[in-house]
Amino acid sequence: MGADPLELCSFENHDYQIRPELREYFGRLPIHVKTAILASGAEITTLGELMQIAEHLKLKG
């Protein structure tokens, strides 16, 4: 099975990869939300920040 292209590029150098609680939540997000977060370049360092931006992006569609 091939690896997810998101995980091979910009995903690997973010807290979403390093911190287990962020990695788990980020991994469950829809692909369009993951892509938008990565494209934003936002520095998200807490689970609360990640959850807040993810919910905003889910509502935005």
Protein backbone atom coordinates (compact mmCIF):
# COMPACT_ATOMS: atom_id res chain seq x y z
CA MET A 1 0.00 0.00 0.00
CA GLY A 2 1.25 3.48 -0.83
CA ALA A 3 1.76 6.17 1.73
CA ASP A 4 -0.53 9.15 1.90
CA PRO A 5 1.07 11.96 -0.17
CA LEU A 6 0.15 14.50 2.52
CA GLU A 7 2.20 12.59 5.04
CA LEU A 8 5.19 12.49 2.73
CA CYS A 9 5.40 16.22 2.07
CA SER A 10 4.66 19.07 4.44
CA PHE A 11 2.95 16.96 7.11
CA GLU A 12 6.14 15.42 8.44
CA ASN A 13 7.66 18.62 9.85
CA HIS A 14 4.68 19.84 11.84
CA ASP A 15 3.59 19.28 15.42
CA TYR A 16 0.75 17.22 13.92
CA GLN A 17 3.33 14.50 13.20
CA ILE A 18 5.45 14.83 16.34
CA ARG A 19 2.85 15.15 19.09
CA PRO A 20 0.69 12.02 19.47
CA GLU A 21 -2.53 13.80 20.49
CA LEU A 22 -2.29 16.14 17.49
CA ARG A 23 -1.28 13.35 15.10
CA GLU A 24 -4.27 11.24 16.10
CA TYR A 25 -6.79 14.08 15.68
CA PHE A 26 -5.20 15.36 12.45
CA GLY A 27 -5.24 11.84 11.01
CA ARG A 28 -9.02 11.62 11.46
CA LEU A 29 -9.77 14.90 9.67
CA PRO A 30 -11.27 14.94 6.17
CA ILE A 31 -8.69 15.31 3.43
CA HIS A 32 -9.91 18.78 2.40
CA VAL A 33 -9.45 20.03 5.97
CA LYS A 34 -5.94 18.54 6.22
CA THR A 35 -5.01 20.12 2.90
CA ALA A 36 -6.33 23.54 3.95
CA ILE A 37 -4.46 23.41 7.27
CA LEU A 38 -1.20 22.46 5.60
CA ALA A 39 -1.64 25.07 2.87
CA SER A 40 -2.30 27.78 5.46
CA GLY A 41 1.13 27.44 6.98
CA ALA A 42 -0.41 28.09 10.40
CA GLU A 43 1.73 27.19 13.39
CA ILE A 44 -0.64 25.07 15.44
CA THR A 45 0.92 23.82 18.66
CA THR A 46 -2.00 22.70 20.81
CA LEU A 47 -4.86 20.30 20.34
CA GLY A 48 -7.30 23.11 21.10
CA GLU A 49 -5.87 25.26 18.29
CA LEU A 50 -6.01 22.34 15.87
CA MET A 51 -9.60 21.53 16.82
CA GLN A 52 -10.68 25.16 16.48
CA ILE A 53 -9.22 25.64 13.00
CA ALA A 54 -10.45 22.23 11.86
CA GLU A 55 -14.03 22.97 12.97
CA HIS A 56 -13.89 26.35 11.23
CA LEU A 57 -12.72 24.70 8.00
CA LYS A 58 -15.34 21.95 8.25
CA LEU A 59 -18.10 24.57 8.50
CA LYS A 60 -16.59 26.59 5.67
CA GLY A 61 -16.68 23.52 3.45
